[in-house]
Amino acid sequence: MKDLDVIRIETVTFLNDDSMQDSIGRLGQSTLENGVSTAATAALVRLTCQAHGVRVDESHTYLVRHLRELHRLSLIHWNGTDLVKMV
């Protein structure tokens, strides 16, 4: 799978049960501290919303390079399938 490939993520779950507020707070802290790119940060916001059932994008498609960046920084658990687990 190339970095420019697009993948549809069907399911986003949490490794820990959290409220939407906790998720958004953790998201802000993790992106600032880790130097996440702007585009990957946007993907992380979309994934967080998708996990909480907040509709922001009907497509649920993501660039592989953004998912790889988030996984490399341990912000998500993703093994190349259509399932992402939020950390």
N, C-alpha and C. Protein backbone atom coordinates (compact mmCIF):
# COMPACT_ATOMS: atom_id res chain seq x y z
N MET A 1 0.85 -1.17 0.00
CA MET A 1 0.00 0.00 0.00
C MET A 1 0.90 1.24 0.00
N LYS A 2 0.69 2.13 -0.98
CA LYS A 2 1.50 3.34 -1.09
C LYS A 2 0.93 4.45 -0.22
N ASP A 3 1.79 5.40 0.13
CA ASP A 3 1.39 6.51 0.98
C ASP A 3 0.27 7.36 0.38
N LEU A 4 0.20 7.44 -0.93
CA LEU A 4 -0.83 8.26 -1.57
C LEU A 4 -2.15 7.52 -1.76
N ASP A 5 -2.16 6.24 -1.42
CA ASP A 5 -3.40 5.46 -1.50
C ASP A 5 -4.42 6.00 -0.51
N VAL A 6 -5.67 5.80 -0.86
CA VAL A 6 -6.78 6.18 0.00
C VAL A 6 -7.43 4.91 0.51
N ILE A 7 -7.81 4.90 1.77
CA ILE A 7 -8.49 3.75 2.36
C ILE A 7 -9.74 4.23 3.07
N ARG A 8 -10.78 3.44 2.98
CA ARG A 8 -12.03 3.75 3.69
C ARG A 8 -11.98 3.05 5.05
N ILE A 9 -12.14 3.83 6.10
CA ILE A 9 -12.16 3.29 7.45
C ILE A 9 -13.62 3.10 7.85
N GLU A 10 -14.01 1.86 8.03
CA GLU A 10 -15.40 1.54 8.36
C GLU A 10 -15.69 1.68 9.85
N THR A 11 -14.73 1.30 10.68
CA THR A 11 -14.96 1.25 12.12
C THR A 11 -13.84 1.95 12.87
N VAL A 12 -14.23 2.84 13.79
CA VAL A 12 -13.28 3.48 14.68
C VAL A 12 -13.76 3.22 16.10
N THR A 13 -12.90 2.61 16.89
CA THR A 13 -13.24 2.30 18.27
C THR A 13 -12.18 2.91 19.19
N PHE A 14 -12.38 2.73 20.48
CA PHE A 14 -11.44 3.25 21.47
C PHE A 14 -10.80 2.10 22.22
N LEU A 15 -9.52 2.26 22.51
CA LEU A 15 -8.86 1.31 23.39
C LEU A 15 -9.32 1.55 24.83
N ASN A 16 -9.68 2.79 25.15
CA ASN A 16 -10.20 3.17 26.47
C ASN A 16 -11.54 3.87 26.28
N ASP A 17 -12.47 3.66 27.17
CA ASP A 17 -13.75 4.37 27.10
C ASP A 17 -13.55 5.79 27.57
N ASP A 18 -13.97 6.73 26.75
CA ASP A 18 -13.82 8.14 27.09
C ASP A 18 -15.00 8.94 26.56
N SER A 19 -15.19 10.09 27.14
CA SER A 19 -16.20 11.02 26.65
C SER A 19 -15.65 11.77 25.45
N MET A 20 -16.52 12.42 24.71
CA MET A 20 -16.09 13.24 23.58
C MET A 20 -15.13 14.33 24.05
N GLN A 21 -15.41 14.94 25.20
CA GLN A 21 -14.56 16.01 25.72
C GLN A 21 -13.16 15.49 26.03
N ASP A 22 -13.08 14.32 26.66
CA ASP A 22 -11.77 13.74 26.96
C ASP A 22 -11.01 13.43 25.68
N SER A 23 -11.71 12.91 24.68
CA SER A 23 -11.06 12.57 23.41
C SER A 23 -10.49 13.81 22.74
N ILE A 24 -11.28 14.88 22.70
CA ILE A 24 -10.83 16.12 22.05
C ILE A 24 -9.66 16.72 22.82
N GLY A 25 -9.72 16.69 24.15
CA GLY A 25 -8.62 17.20 24.95
C GLY A 25 -7.34 16.42 24.72
N ARG A 26 -7.45 15.11 24.67
CA ARG A 26 -6.29 14.26 24.44
C ARG A 26 -5.74 14.48 23.04
N LEU A 27 -6.64 14.67 22.09
CA LEU A 27 -6.24 14.91 20.71
C LEU A 27 -5.38 16.17 20.63
N GLY A 28 -5.84 17.25 21.26
CA GLY A 28 -5.07 18.50 21.24
C GLY A 28 -3.71 18.35 21.87
N GLN A 29 -3.65 17.69 23.01
CA GLN A 29 -2.37 17.49 23.70
C GLN A 29 -1.42 16.63 22.87
N SER A 30 -1.92 15.59 22.28
CA SER A 30 -1.06 14.65 21.57
C SER A 30 -0.51 15.24 20.28
N THR A 31 -1.30 16.04 19.58
CA THR A 31 -0.81 16.60 18.32
C THR A 31 0.21 17.70 18.57
N LEU A 32 -0.02 18.52 19.58
CA LEU A 32 0.92 19.60 19.89
C LEU A 32 2.26 19.05 20.34
N GLU A 33 2.23 18.06 21.18
CA GLU A 33 3.46 17.51 21.75
C GLU A 33 4.28 16.70 20.75
N ASN A 34 3.62 16.12 19.75
CA ASN A 34 4.30 15.21 18.83
C ASN A 34 4.63 15.82 17.48
N GLY A 35 4.27 17.07 17.23
CA GLY A 35 4.58 17.70 15.95
C GLY A 35 3.87 17.05 14.78
N VAL A 36 2.62 16.68 14.97
CA VAL A 36 1.84 16.04 13.92
C VAL A 36 1.55 17.05 12.81
N SER A 37 1.64 16.61 11.55
CA SER A 37 1.35 17.50 10.43
C SER A 37 -0.09 17.98 10.49
N THR A 38 -0.35 19.10 9.86
CA THR A 38 -1.70 19.67 9.84
C THR A 38 -2.69 18.71 9.21
N ALA A 39 -2.31 18.09 8.11
CA ALA A 39 -3.22 17.17 7.42
C ALA A 39 -3.51 15.93 8.26
N ALA A 40 -2.50 15.40 8.95
CA ALA A 40 -2.72 14.24 9.81
C ALA A 40 -3.56 14.63 11.03
N THR A 41 -3.38 15.85 11.52
CA THR A 41 -4.21 16.33 12.63
C THR A 41 -5.67 16.38 12.20
N ALA A 42 -5.93 16.87 10.99
CA ALA A 42 -7.30 16.90 10.47
C ALA A 42 -7.87 15.49 10.38
N ALA A 43 -7.06 14.54 9.94
CA ALA A 43 -7.51 13.15 9.87
C ALA A 43 -7.83 12.62 11.27
N LEU A 44 -7.01 12.98 12.25
CA LEU A 44 -7.24 12.53 13.62
C LEU A 44 -8.54 13.12 14.18
N VAL A 45 -8.82 14.37 13.85
CA VAL A 45 -10.08 14.99 14.26
C VAL A 45 -11.26 14.25 13.64
N ARG A 46 -11.15 13.96 12.35
CA ARG A 46 -12.23 13.22 11.67
C ARG A 46 -12.42 11.84 12.27
N LEU A 47 -11.32 11.14 12.56
CA LEU A 47 -11.42 9.82 13.18
C LEU A 47 -12.08 9.90 14.55
N THR A 48 -11.72 10.92 15.32
CA THR A 48 -12.31 11.10 16.65
C THR A 48 -13.82 11.33 16.53
N CYS A 49 -14.21 12.18 15.60
CA CYS A 49 -15.64 12.42 15.38
C CYS A 49 -16.34 11.14 14.92
N GLN A 50 -15.72 10.42 14.02
CA GLN A 50 -16.30 9.17 13.53
C GLN A 50 -16.48 8.18 14.68
N ALA A 51 -15.51 8.11 15.57
CA ALA A 51 -15.59 7.20 16.71
C ALA A 51 -16.75 7.55 17.63
N HIS A 52 -17.06 8.83 17.73
CA HIS A 52 -18.14 9.29 18.60
C HIS A 52 -19.47 9.42 17.86
N GLY A 53 -19.50 9.03 16.59
CA GLY A 53 -20.75 9.10 15.84
C GLY A 53 -21.16 10.49 15.42
N VAL A 54 -20.21 11.43 15.41
CA VAL A 54 -20.48 12.79 14.97
C VAL A 54 -20.19 12.86 13.47
N ARG A 55 -21.16 13.22 12.70
CA ARG A 55 -21.03 13.20 11.25
C ARG A 55 -20.35 14.48 10.76
N VAL A 56 -19.14 14.33 10.22
CA VAL A 56 -18.43 15.46 9.62
C VAL A 56 -18.03 15.16 8.18
N ASP A 57 -18.02 13.90 7.81
CA ASP A 57 -17.60 13.50 6.48
C ASP A 57 -18.24 12.16 6.15
N GLU A 58 -18.99 12.15 5.08
CA GLU A 58 -19.68 10.91 4.68
C GLU A 58 -18.74 9.86 4.11
N SER A 59 -17.62 10.26 3.55
CA SER A 59 -16.78 9.31 2.81
C SER A 59 -16.00 8.36 3.71
N HIS A 60 -15.57 8.82 4.87
CA HIS A 60 -14.74 8.02 5.78
C HIS A 60 -13.49 7.51 5.08
N THR A 61 -13.00 8.26 4.10
CA THR A 61 -11.76 7.89 3.43
C THR A 61 -10.61 8.73 3.96
N TYR A 62 -9.45 8.10 4.04
CA TYR A 62 -8.26 8.73 4.59
C TYR A 62 -7.06 8.38 3.73
N LEU A 63 -6.11 9.30 3.66
CA LEU A 63 -4.86 8.98 2.99
C LEU A 63 -4.04 8.05 3.88
N VAL A 64 -3.48 7.04 3.29
CA VAL A 64 -2.68 6.06 4.02
C VAL A 64 -1.52 6.76 4.74
N ARG A 65 -0.90 7.75 4.10
CA ARG A 65 0.25 8.41 4.73
C ARG A 65 -0.14 9.08 6.04
N HIS A 66 -1.37 9.61 6.14
CA HIS A 66 -1.80 10.25 7.39
C HIS A 66 -2.02 9.20 8.48
N LEU A 67 -2.62 8.08 8.10
CA LEU A 67 -2.82 7.01 9.07
C LEU A 67 -1.48 6.44 9.54
N ARG A 68 -0.56 6.31 8.62
CA ARG A 68 0.78 5.81 8.99
C ARG A 68 1.48 6.77 9.94
N GLU A 69 1.35 8.07 9.67
CA GLU A 69 1.97 9.07 10.56
C GLU A 69 1.37 8.98 11.96
N LEU A 70 0.06 8.89 12.04
CA LEU A 70 -0.61 8.80 13.35
C LEU A 70 -0.24 7.51 14.07
N HIS A 71 -0.15 6.42 13.32
CA HIS A 71 0.24 5.13 13.92
C HIS A 71 1.70 5.17 14.40
N ARG A 72 2.58 5.74 13.57
CA ARG A 72 4.00 5.81 13.93
C ARG A 72 4.20 6.60 15.23
N LEU A 73 3.36 7.62 15.44
CA LEU A 73 3.45 8.43 16.65
C LEU A 73 2.64 7.85 17.80
N SER A 74 2.08 6.66 17.60
CA SER A 74 1.28 5.94 18.61
C SER A 74 0.03 6.71 19.02
N LEU A 75 -0.56 7.45 18.08
CA LEU A 75 -1.80 8.17 18.35
C LEU A 75 -3.02 7.33 17.98
N ILE A 76 -2.81 6.35 17.11
CA ILE A 76 -3.87 5.39 16.76
C ILE A 76 -3.23 4.01 16.66
N HIS A 77 -4.07 3.00 16.74
CA HIS A 77 -3.63 1.63 16.46
C HIS A 77 -4.28 1.27 15.12
N TRP A 78 -3.46 0.98 14.10
CA TRP A 78 -3.97 0.68 12.77
C TRP A 78 -3.02 -0.31 12.11
N ASN A 79 -3.57 -1.37 11.55
CA ASN A 79 -2.72 -2.38 10.91
C ASN A 79 -2.99 -2.51 9.41
N GLY A 80 -3.52 -1.45 8.80
CA GLY A 80 -3.73 -1.45 7.35
C GLY A 80 -5.11 -1.92 6.94
N THR A 81 -5.97 -2.23 7.89
CA THR A 81 -7.33 -2.67 7.57
C THR A 81 -8.30 -1.50 7.66
N ASP A 82 -9.59 -1.80 7.62
CA ASP A 82 -10.60 -0.74 7.69
C ASP A 82 -11.02 -0.46 9.14
N LEU A 83 -10.19 -0.87 10.10
CA LEU A 83 -10.46 -0.65 11.52
C LEU A 83 -9.35 0.18 12.13
N VAL A 84 -9.73 1.24 12.83
CA VAL A 84 -8.78 2.07 13.59
C VAL A 84 -9.22 2.06 15.04
N LYS A 85 -8.25 1.91 15.92
CA LYS A 85 -8.53 2.03 17.36
C LYS A 85 -7.85 3.29 17.86
N MET A 86 -8.63 4.15 18.47
CA MET A 86 -8.10 5.40 19.02
C MET A 86 -7.40 5.09 20.33
N VAL A 87 -6.28 5.72 20.55
CA VAL A 87 -5.51 5.51 21.77
C VAL A 87 -6.01 6.42 22.85
